[in-house]
């Protein structure tokens, strides 16, 4: 018969392993969705290690016409050593140039291993959203096994989100051939549309 001390020791080992396995995730989001994103990060803080500050008007590279330089600076300053990017999809995420830049950097191959990519619809939108074009180009709606990005409704459990993060992490090697990232970076914000994609 296993004693209580042994059960507690095993639980402690399992909890430690879960914490050690947490991936560093860059959270890409539109500033207008800050409250919902903060709730997401707080509610799931023991599932991943969040990097949540993104490109802003104060960055010294935003007026550069050199896209390689811009992507390099975003990687160094924001994505850093993260391995998965979670794009929190709200009503106007698709139209923001900084989101496009962060996604382009996420998907960049060559010097860096690309980050895994998950799009998660914020609760305020229900089960549908207008996807950023660069994200849409990397998600295969008909057969997700033939695309790079994962697109999901808001998670209902920590285990569910952890599974998504692990899948996105693995796809960096298994699905990188599906990356589509040759499009030019947005120069300006685009119009915020109402049309939505349903998951």
Protein backbone atom coordinates (compact mmCIF):
# COMPACT_ATOMS: atom_id res chain seq x y z
CA UNK A 1 0.00 0.00 0.00
CA UNK A 2 1.33 3.42 -0.96
CA UNK A 3 1.58 5.83 1.97
CA UNK A 4 0.39 9.44 2.03
CA UNK A 5 3.98 10.73 2.06
CA UNK A 6 4.71 8.86 -1.18
CA UNK A 7 1.52 10.19 -2.83
CA UNK A 8 2.38 13.77 -1.84
CA UNK A 9 5.95 13.32 -3.11
CA UNK A 10 4.64 12.04 -6.46
CA UNK A 11 2.24 14.99 -6.75
CA UNK A 12 5.11 17.39 -6.02
CA UNK A 13 7.24 15.74 -8.72
CA UNK A 14 4.40 15.99 -11.26
CA UNK A 15 3.77 19.66 -10.42
CA UNK A 16 7.48 20.41 -10.73
CA UNK A 17 7.60 18.67 -14.11
CA UNK A 18 4.61 20.71 -15.33
CA UNK A 19 6.31 23.96 -14.30
CA UNK A 20 9.59 22.91 -15.94
CA UNK A 21 7.71 22.11 -19.16
CA UNK A 22 6.06 25.54 -19.40
CA UNK A 23 6.90 27.20 -22.70
CA UNK A 24 7.72 30.88 -23.08
CA UNK A 25 4.93 32.39 -25.15
CA UNK A 26 4.84 35.79 -26.79
CA UNK A 27 1.33 37.24 -26.58
CA UNK A 28 0.42 39.30 -29.65
CA UNK A 29 -2.67 41.47 -29.19
CA UNK A 30 -4.36 44.74 -30.04
CA UNK A 31 -4.23 47.32 -27.24
CA UNK A 32 -8.01 47.71 -27.26
CA UNK A 33 -8.25 44.12 -25.97
CA UNK A 34 -5.91 44.64 -23.00
CA UNK A 35 -8.45 43.80 -20.28
CA UNK A 36 -9.39 40.45 -21.82
CA UNK A 37 -5.76 39.61 -22.54
CA UNK A 38 -4.73 40.42 -18.96
CA UNK A 39 -7.47 38.07 -17.72
CA UNK A 40 -6.20 35.33 -20.04
CA UNK A 41 -2.61 35.72 -18.84
CA UNK A 42 -3.68 35.77 -15.20
CA UNK A 43 -6.01 32.77 -15.50
CA UNK A 44 -3.43 30.63 -17.33
CA UNK A 45 -0.19 31.90 -15.74
CA UNK A 46 0.81 28.42 -14.55
CA UNK A 47 0.45 26.96 -18.07
CA UNK A 48 3.01 29.17 -19.86
CA UNK A 49 5.55 31.93 -19.22
CA UNK A 50 4.13 35.06 -20.80
CA UNK A 51 5.98 37.74 -22.73
CA UNK A 52 3.29 40.36 -23.30
CA UNK A 53 4.75 43.69 -24.36
CA UNK A 54 4.60 44.22 -28.10
CA UNK A 55 5.59 46.80 -30.69
CA UNK A 56 4.54 50.36 -29.88
CA UNK A 57 4.79 53.88 -31.30
CA UNK A 58 7.81 54.49 -29.07
CA UNK A 59 10.02 51.93 -30.79
CA UNK A 60 12.99 53.34 -32.69
CA UNK A 61 12.52 50.99 -35.68
CA UNK A 62 8.88 51.66 -36.63
CA UNK A 63 9.76 54.15 -39.37
CA UNK A 64 12.40 51.93 -40.94
CA UNK A 65 11.80 50.71 -44.51
CA UNK A 66 14.14 47.76 -43.91
CA UNK A 67 11.81 44.85 -43.04
CA UNK A 68 14.71 42.56 -42.11
CA UNK A 69 15.93 45.12 -39.61
CA UNK A 70 12.43 45.59 -38.18
CA UNK A 71 11.95 41.83 -37.77
CA UNK A 72 15.39 41.49 -36.17
CA UNK A 73 14.58 44.22 -33.64
CA UNK A 74 11.16 42.73 -32.82
CA UNK A 75 12.79 39.34 -32.25
CA UNK A 76 15.49 40.81 -30.03
CA UNK A 77 13.28 43.19 -28.08
CA UNK A 78 9.98 41.33 -27.77
CA UNK A 79 9.86 37.72 -28.95
CA UNK A 80 13.28 37.03 -27.44
CA UNK A 81 13.62 33.39 -26.43
CA UNK A 82 9.91 32.62 -26.72
CA UNK A 83 9.05 29.50 -28.73
CA UNK A 84 5.30 29.97 -29.30
CA UNK A 85 3.31 33.06 -30.25
CA UNK A 86 -0.29 33.27 -29.07
CA UNK A 87 -2.24 35.80 -31.12
CA UNK A 88 -5.25 36.92 -29.09
CA UNK A 89 -7.88 37.64 -31.72
CA UNK A 90 -10.31 40.44 -30.99
CA UNK A 91 -12.56 42.58 -33.17
CA UNK A 92 -9.79 44.68 -34.76
CA UNK A 93 -6.69 42.48 -34.39
CA UNK A 94 -6.71 41.77 -38.14
CA UNK A 95 -6.29 45.44 -39.03
CA UNK A 96 -3.30 46.42 -36.85
CA UNK A 97 0.09 46.81 -38.48
CA UNK A 98 2.02 45.89 -35.33
CA UNK A 99 0.16 42.57 -35.12
CA UNK A 100 1.15 41.90 -38.74
CA UNK A 101 4.78 42.72 -37.90
CA UNK A 102 4.79 40.45 -34.86
CA UNK A 103 3.29 37.62 -36.92
CA UNK A 104 5.83 38.12 -39.71
CA UNK A 105 8.64 37.94 -37.15
CA UNK A 106 7.02 34.89 -35.51
CA UNK A 107 7.04 33.04 -38.85
CA UNK A 108 10.51 34.13 -39.96
CA UNK A 109 12.80 31.26 -40.93
CA UNK A 110 16.53 31.15 -41.48
CA UNK A 111 18.44 32.89 -38.70
CA UNK A 112 15.82 31.80 -36.15
CA UNK A 113 13.59 28.80 -35.69
CA UNK A 114 10.10 30.20 -36.20
CA UNK A 115 7.77 30.35 -33.22
CA UNK A 116 4.80 28.04 -33.15
CA UNK A 117 1.60 30.01 -33.79
CA UNK A 118 -1.82 29.78 -32.15
CA UNK A 119 -4.72 32.16 -32.73
CA UNK A 120 -7.18 32.25 -29.83
CA UNK A 121 -10.51 34.06 -30.15
CA UNK A 122 -11.27 36.32 -27.20
CA UNK A 123 -14.48 35.53 -25.26
CA UNK A 124 -16.16 38.79 -26.29
CA UNK A 125 -16.30 37.51 -29.90
CA UNK A 126 -17.82 34.13 -29.13
CA UNK A 127 -16.73 31.50 -31.63
CA UNK A 128 -15.91 33.65 -34.66
CA UNK A 129 -13.53 36.41 -35.68
CA UNK A 130 -11.91 38.24 -38.56
CA UNK A 131 -8.42 36.74 -38.82
CA UNK A 132 -5.28 38.73 -39.59
CA UNK A 133 -4.39 37.99 -43.23
CA UNK A 134 -0.89 36.69 -42.40
CA UNK A 135 -2.40 34.34 -39.83
CA UNK A 136 -5.08 33.22 -42.30
CA UNK A 137 -2.40 32.48 -44.91
CA UNK A 138 -0.81 30.04 -42.44
CA UNK A 139 -3.96 28.28 -41.23
CA UNK A 140 -5.63 25.64 -43.37
CA UNK A 141 -9.33 25.88 -42.55
CA UNK A 142 -10.19 22.63 -44.34
CA UNK A 143 -7.31 20.53 -43.02
CA UNK A 144 -5.28 21.92 -40.14
CA UNK A 145 -2.66 19.21 -40.66
CA UNK A 146 -1.75 21.01 -43.92
CA UNK A 147 -1.15 24.42 -42.37
CA UNK A 148 1.26 25.88 -39.85
CA UNK A 149 -0.98 27.85 -37.49
CA UNK A 150 -3.57 26.54 -35.04
CA UNK A 151 -6.86 28.45 -34.64
CA UNK A 152 -8.91 27.91 -31.49
CA UNK A 153 -11.84 29.20 -29.49
CA UNK A 154 -11.04 30.40 -25.97
CA UNK A 155 -9.68 27.52 -23.83
CA UNK A 156 -11.97 25.85 -21.33
CA UNK A 157 -9.19 24.30 -19.22
CA UNK A 158 -5.49 24.61 -18.46
CA UNK A 159 -4.81 21.12 -19.81
CA UNK A 160 -6.49 22.04 -23.08
CA UNK A 161 -4.35 25.17 -23.51
CA UNK A 162 -1.20 23.25 -22.55
CA UNK A 163 -1.98 20.72 -25.29
CA UNK A 164 -2.38 23.50 -27.87
CA UNK A 165 0.93 25.08 -26.86
CA UNK A 166 2.73 21.74 -27.09
CA UNK A 167 1.22 21.10 -30.54
CA UNK A 168 2.25 24.56 -31.78
CA UNK A 169 5.75 24.03 -30.38
CA UNK A 170 6.09 20.69 -32.19
CA UNK A 171 4.82 22.15 -35.47
CA UNK A 172 7.89 24.41 -35.66
CA UNK A 173 9.72 21.33 -36.95
CA UNK A 174 6.94 19.13 -38.33
CA UNK A 175 4.94 21.80 -40.23
CA UNK A 176 7.43 24.55 -41.13
CA UNK A 177 7.10 23.65 -44.83
CA UNK A 178 3.61 25.18 -44.70
CA UNK A 179 4.78 28.62 -43.58
CA UNK A 180 3.66 31.42 -45.90
CA UNK A 181 5.44 34.64 -45.02
CA UNK A 182 6.56 36.37 -48.20
CA UNK A 183 3.90 39.10 -48.10
CA UNK A 184 5.08 42.66 -47.44
CA UNK A 185 4.61 44.01 -43.94
CA UNK A 186 1.71 46.42 -43.35
CA UNK A 187 2.87 50.00 -43.71
CA UNK A 188 -0.24 51.36 -41.95
CA UNK A 189 -3.22 50.06 -40.01
CA UNK A 190 -6.01 48.71 -42.21
CA UNK A 191 -9.75 49.18 -41.86
CA UNK A 192 -11.41 47.18 -39.08
CA UNK A 193 -14.00 44.92 -40.79
CA UNK A 194 -16.98 43.12 -39.32
CA UNK A 195 -16.73 39.96 -41.52
CA UNK A 196 -15.83 36.93 -39.43
CA UNK A 197 -14.35 33.44 -39.78
CA UNK A 198 -16.01 30.71 -37.73
CA UNK A 199 -13.83 28.13 -36.04
